Amino acid sequence: MRTVNPSGVAIDGAKVRELRKLAGFTLKDFAPQCGIGFQYLSQIERGDRQFVSPPTFAKICDALNIENRRDMLRYSQASFPGRPDAAAGPATTRY
């Protein structure tokens, strides 16, 4: 069995789903706006993918009209409190 070393930005898939639905988008309509496939977006929303690359994180925030990406990081940090770099958040990573 392959061990996966999580890298990238922690993302709260449930919050992404909630915000997407509040914006009135279906999964298939929203994914192209993020520059990703709907299957990948579905994995993020279900929590199967808990970390995304910084560019993907930025595209999701842009598609949700989240101007302050720290807001989305706060959602994600609350979801992954045990991850050491989650607490560092935006202070160590630029988006």
N, C-alpha and C. Protein backbone atom coordinates (compact mmCIF):
# COMPACT_ATOMS: atom_id res chain seq x y z
N MET A 1 0.83 -1.18 0.00
CA MET A 1 0.00 0.00 0.00
C MET A 1 0.88 1.24 0.00
N ARG A 2 0.51 2.21 -0.80
CA ARG A 2 1.28 3.43 -0.95
C ARG A 2 0.95 4.42 0.16
N THR A 3 1.97 5.01 0.76
CA THR A 3 1.77 6.03 1.78
C THR A 3 1.82 7.39 1.11
N VAL A 4 0.83 8.21 1.38
CA VAL A 4 0.76 9.52 0.78
C VAL A 4 1.24 10.56 1.79
N ASN A 5 2.16 11.38 1.37
CA ASN A 5 2.66 12.47 2.20
C ASN A 5 1.90 13.73 1.80
N PRO A 6 0.98 14.21 2.64
CA PRO A 6 0.19 15.36 2.25
C PRO A 6 1.05 16.60 2.08
N SER A 7 0.82 17.29 1.00
CA SER A 7 1.52 18.55 0.76
C SER A 7 0.52 19.52 0.19
N GLY A 8 0.87 20.75 0.19
CA GLY A 8 -0.02 21.76 -0.34
C GLY A 8 -0.77 22.46 0.78
N VAL A 9 -1.92 22.98 0.42
CA VAL A 9 -2.73 23.78 1.32
C VAL A 9 -3.91 22.95 1.82
N ALA A 10 -4.11 22.93 3.13
CA ALA A 10 -5.26 22.24 3.69
C ALA A 10 -6.52 22.98 3.25
N ILE A 11 -7.53 22.22 2.86
CA ILE A 11 -8.77 22.82 2.40
C ILE A 11 -9.96 22.09 3.01
N ASP A 12 -10.94 22.84 3.42
CA ASP A 12 -12.16 22.28 4.02
C ASP A 12 -13.17 22.05 2.90
N GLY A 13 -13.24 20.80 2.45
CA GLY A 13 -14.13 20.47 1.34
C GLY A 13 -15.59 20.72 1.63
N ALA A 14 -16.01 20.47 2.87
CA ALA A 14 -17.41 20.72 3.24
C ALA A 14 -17.74 22.20 3.12
N LYS A 15 -16.79 23.06 3.48
CA LYS A 15 -17.01 24.51 3.36
C LYS A 15 -17.05 24.91 1.89
N VAL A 16 -16.19 24.32 1.08
CA VAL A 16 -16.22 24.59 -0.37
C VAL A 16 -17.59 24.23 -0.93
N ARG A 17 -18.09 23.04 -0.56
CA ARG A 17 -19.40 22.60 -1.03
C ARG A 17 -20.50 23.58 -0.59
N GLU A 18 -20.45 23.96 0.68
CA GLU A 18 -21.46 24.88 1.21
C GLU A 18 -21.44 26.21 0.46
N LEU A 19 -20.27 26.78 0.25
CA LEU A 19 -20.16 28.06 -0.44
C LEU A 19 -20.54 27.94 -1.92
N ARG A 20 -20.17 26.82 -2.54
CA ARG A 20 -20.54 26.59 -3.94
C ARG A 20 -22.05 26.55 -4.10
N LYS A 21 -22.71 25.81 -3.21
CA LYS A 21 -24.17 25.70 -3.27
C LYS A 21 -24.84 27.04 -2.98
N LEU A 22 -24.30 27.79 -2.02
CA LEU A 22 -24.86 29.11 -1.73
C LEU A 22 -24.75 30.05 -2.93
N ALA A 23 -23.68 29.84 -3.72
CA ALA A 23 -23.50 30.66 -4.93
C ALA A 23 -24.38 30.17 -6.08
N GLY A 24 -25.04 29.02 -5.89
CA GLY A 24 -25.97 28.51 -6.90
C GLY A 24 -25.34 27.69 -8.01
N PHE A 25 -24.15 27.16 -7.78
CA PHE A 25 -23.46 26.37 -8.80
C PHE A 25 -23.63 24.88 -8.56
N THR A 26 -23.74 24.14 -9.65
CA THR A 26 -23.65 22.69 -9.57
C THR A 26 -22.17 22.33 -9.59
N LEU A 27 -21.87 21.12 -9.23
CA LEU A 27 -20.49 20.64 -9.24
C LEU A 27 -19.90 20.77 -10.64
N LYS A 28 -20.65 20.34 -11.64
CA LYS A 28 -20.15 20.35 -13.02
C LYS A 28 -20.02 21.76 -13.58
N ASP A 29 -20.81 22.69 -13.10
CA ASP A 29 -20.69 24.08 -13.55
C ASP A 29 -19.54 24.80 -12.87
N PHE A 30 -19.28 24.44 -11.63
CA PHE A 30 -18.29 25.15 -10.83
C PHE A 30 -16.85 24.70 -11.13
N ALA A 31 -16.65 23.42 -11.36
CA ALA A 31 -15.31 22.88 -11.55
C ALA A 31 -14.52 23.60 -12.66
N PRO A 32 -15.09 23.84 -13.83
CA PRO A 32 -14.32 24.54 -14.87
C PRO A 32 -13.89 25.95 -14.46
N GLN A 33 -14.68 26.59 -13.62
CA GLN A 33 -14.30 27.92 -13.15
C GLN A 33 -13.06 27.86 -12.26
N CYS A 34 -12.85 26.70 -11.65
CA CYS A 34 -11.68 26.50 -10.79
C CYS A 34 -10.50 25.94 -11.58
N GLY A 35 -10.73 25.59 -12.83
CA GLY A 35 -9.67 25.02 -13.65
C GLY A 35 -9.35 23.58 -13.29
N ILE A 36 -10.34 22.88 -12.72
CA ILE A 36 -10.14 21.47 -12.36
C ILE A 36 -11.33 20.65 -12.85
N GLY A 37 -11.16 19.36 -12.89
CA GLY A 37 -12.24 18.48 -13.29
C GLY A 37 -13.28 18.32 -12.18
N PHE A 38 -14.50 18.00 -12.58
CA PHE A 38 -15.56 17.87 -11.57
C PHE A 38 -15.31 16.68 -10.64
N GLN A 39 -14.62 15.63 -11.14
CA GLN A 39 -14.31 14.50 -10.28
C GLN A 39 -13.33 14.92 -9.17
N TYR A 40 -12.36 15.72 -9.54
CA TYR A 40 -11.38 16.20 -8.56
C TYR A 40 -12.07 17.11 -7.54
N LEU A 41 -12.93 18.00 -8.00
CA LEU A 41 -13.68 18.87 -7.10
C LEU A 41 -14.55 18.03 -6.16
N SER A 42 -15.16 17.00 -6.68
CA SER A 42 -15.98 16.11 -5.86
C SER A 42 -15.14 15.46 -4.77
N GLN A 43 -13.93 15.04 -5.11
CA GLN A 43 -13.03 14.44 -4.12
C GLN A 43 -12.67 15.45 -3.03
N ILE A 44 -12.46 16.70 -3.42
CA ILE A 44 -12.16 17.75 -2.45
C ILE A 44 -13.34 17.93 -1.51
N GLU A 45 -14.52 18.07 -2.09
CA GLU A 45 -15.72 18.32 -1.28
C GLU A 45 -16.05 17.17 -0.34
N ARG A 46 -15.80 15.94 -0.76
CA ARG A 46 -16.07 14.78 0.09
C ARG A 46 -15.00 14.58 1.16
N GLY A 47 -13.88 15.29 1.03
CA GLY A 47 -12.80 15.13 1.98
C GLY A 47 -11.79 14.08 1.59
N ASP A 48 -11.94 13.51 0.40
CA ASP A 48 -10.98 12.53 -0.08
C ASP A 48 -9.64 13.19 -0.41
N ARG A 49 -9.70 14.45 -0.79
CA ARG A 49 -8.50 15.27 -1.05
C ARG A 49 -8.52 16.40 -0.05
N GLN A 50 -7.71 16.32 0.97
CA GLN A 50 -7.72 17.32 2.03
C GLN A 50 -6.69 18.41 1.81
N PHE A 51 -5.82 18.22 0.82
CA PHE A 51 -4.78 19.20 0.51
C PHE A 51 -4.76 19.43 -0.99
N VAL A 52 -4.63 20.69 -1.38
CA VAL A 52 -4.56 21.05 -2.80
C VAL A 52 -3.33 21.93 -3.00
N SER A 53 -2.92 22.06 -4.24
CA SER A 53 -1.78 22.92 -4.54
C SER A 53 -2.17 24.38 -4.30
N PRO A 54 -1.21 25.23 -4.00
CA PRO A 54 -1.53 26.65 -3.82
C PRO A 54 -2.26 27.27 -5.02
N PRO A 55 -1.87 26.96 -6.28
CA PRO A 55 -2.63 27.54 -7.40
C PRO A 55 -4.09 27.07 -7.45
N THR A 56 -4.32 25.79 -7.13
CA THR A 56 -5.70 25.29 -7.11
C THR A 56 -6.49 25.95 -5.99
N PHE A 57 -5.87 26.11 -4.84
CA PHE A 57 -6.51 26.80 -3.72
C PHE A 57 -6.92 28.22 -4.13
N ALA A 58 -6.00 28.91 -4.79
CA ALA A 58 -6.27 30.28 -5.24
C ALA A 58 -7.41 30.33 -6.25
N LYS A 59 -7.45 29.38 -7.18
CA LYS A 59 -8.52 29.34 -8.19
C LYS A 59 -9.87 29.08 -7.55
N ILE A 60 -9.93 28.20 -6.55
CA ILE A 60 -11.19 27.92 -5.87
C ILE A 60 -11.66 29.17 -5.13
N CYS A 61 -10.74 29.84 -4.45
CA CYS A 61 -11.10 31.09 -3.75
C CYS A 61 -11.60 32.14 -4.73
N ASP A 62 -10.91 32.27 -5.86
CA ASP A 62 -11.33 33.25 -6.87
C ASP A 62 -12.72 32.92 -7.41
N ALA A 63 -12.96 31.65 -7.69
CA ALA A 63 -14.27 31.24 -8.23
C ALA A 63 -15.39 31.48 -7.22
N LEU A 64 -15.06 31.42 -5.93
CA LEU A 64 -16.05 31.67 -4.88
C LEU A 64 -16.11 33.14 -4.48
N ASN A 65 -15.33 33.97 -5.18
CA ASN A 65 -15.25 35.40 -4.90
C ASN A 65 -14.80 35.68 -3.47
N ILE A 66 -13.89 34.86 -2.99
CA ILE A 66 -13.30 35.09 -1.67
C ILE A 66 -12.06 35.95 -1.89
N GLU A 67 -12.19 37.23 -1.59
CA GLU A 67 -11.09 38.16 -1.82
C GLU A 67 -9.96 37.96 -0.83
N ASN A 68 -10.31 37.72 0.42
CA ASN A 68 -9.30 37.52 1.44
C ASN A 68 -9.12 36.02 1.63
N ARG A 69 -8.09 35.47 1.04
CA ARG A 69 -7.90 34.02 1.09
C ARG A 69 -7.63 33.52 2.50
N ARG A 70 -7.29 34.42 3.38
CA ARG A 70 -7.09 34.02 4.77
C ARG A 70 -8.41 33.54 5.37
N ASP A 71 -9.53 34.05 4.87
CA ASP A 71 -10.82 33.56 5.35
C ASP A 71 -10.96 32.07 5.07
N MET A 72 -10.63 31.66 3.85
CA MET A 72 -10.72 30.24 3.49
C MET A 72 -9.68 29.44 4.28
N LEU A 73 -8.51 30.02 4.50
CA LEU A 73 -7.50 29.31 5.30
C LEU A 73 -8.00 29.10 6.73
N ARG A 74 -8.72 30.07 7.27
CA ARG A 74 -9.26 29.90 8.62
C ARG A 74 -10.22 28.72 8.67
N TYR A 75 -11.08 28.59 7.66
CA TYR A 75 -11.99 27.44 7.61
C TYR A 75 -11.17 26.15 7.61
N SER A 76 -10.13 26.12 6.77
CA SER A 76 -9.33 24.92 6.62
C SER A 76 -8.52 24.62 7.86
N GLN A 77 -7.97 25.64 8.50
CA GLN A 77 -7.18 25.43 9.71
C GLN A 77 -8.04 24.86 10.83
N ALA A 78 -9.28 25.29 10.90
CA ALA A 78 -10.18 24.75 11.92
C ALA A 78 -10.46 23.27 11.66
N SER A 79 -10.41 22.86 10.40
CA SER A 79 -10.66 21.47 10.03
C SER A 79 -9.45 20.57 10.26
N PHE A 80 -8.25 21.16 10.28
CA PHE A 80 -7.02 20.39 10.41
C PHE A 80 -6.15 20.97 11.52
N PRO A 81 -6.65 21.00 12.76
CA PRO A 81 -5.90 21.64 13.84
C PRO A 81 -4.58 20.96 14.18
N GLY A 82 -4.42 19.70 13.87
CA GLY A 82 -3.20 18.98 14.22
C GLY A 82 -2.07 19.14 13.23
N ARG A 83 -2.35 19.72 12.09
CA ARG A 83 -1.30 19.86 11.08
C ARG A 83 -0.40 21.03 11.47
N PRO A 84 0.91 20.79 11.67
CA PRO A 84 1.81 21.83 12.16
C PRO A 84 1.83 23.09 11.31
N ASP A 85 1.87 22.94 9.98
CA ASP A 85 1.97 24.14 9.14
C ASP A 85 0.63 24.83 8.96
N ALA A 86 -0.47 24.22 9.37
CA ALA A 86 -1.77 24.87 9.26
C ALA A 86 -1.83 26.09 10.16
N ALA A 87 -1.20 26.01 11.32
CA ALA A 87 -1.21 27.15 12.23
C ALA A 87 -0.41 28.30 11.66
N ALA A 88 0.62 28.00 10.87
CA ALA A 88 1.43 29.06 10.29
C ALA A 88 0.66 29.79 9.19
N GLY A 89 -0.13 29.03 8.44
CA GLY A 89 -1.02 29.60 7.43
C GLY A 89 -0.38 30.63 6.53
N PRO A 90 -1.07 31.74 6.36
CA PRO A 90 -0.66 32.74 5.39
C PRO A 90 0.65 33.45 5.73
N ALA A 91 1.10 33.36 6.95
CA ALA A 91 2.34 34.04 7.31
C ALA A 91 3.54 33.43 6.60
N THR A 92 3.47 32.13 6.25
CA THR A 92 4.59 31.47 5.61
C THR A 92 4.33 31.13 4.15
N THR A 93 3.12 31.29 3.69
CA THR A 93 2.77 30.92 2.32
C THR A 93 2.06 32.07 1.64
N ARG A 94 2.49 32.40 0.44
CA ARG A 94 1.85 33.48 -0.32
C ARG A 94 0.99 32.88 -1.42
N TYR A 95 -0.17 33.46 -1.63
CA TYR A 95 -1.09 32.96 -2.65
C TYR A 95 -1.36 34.03 -3.64
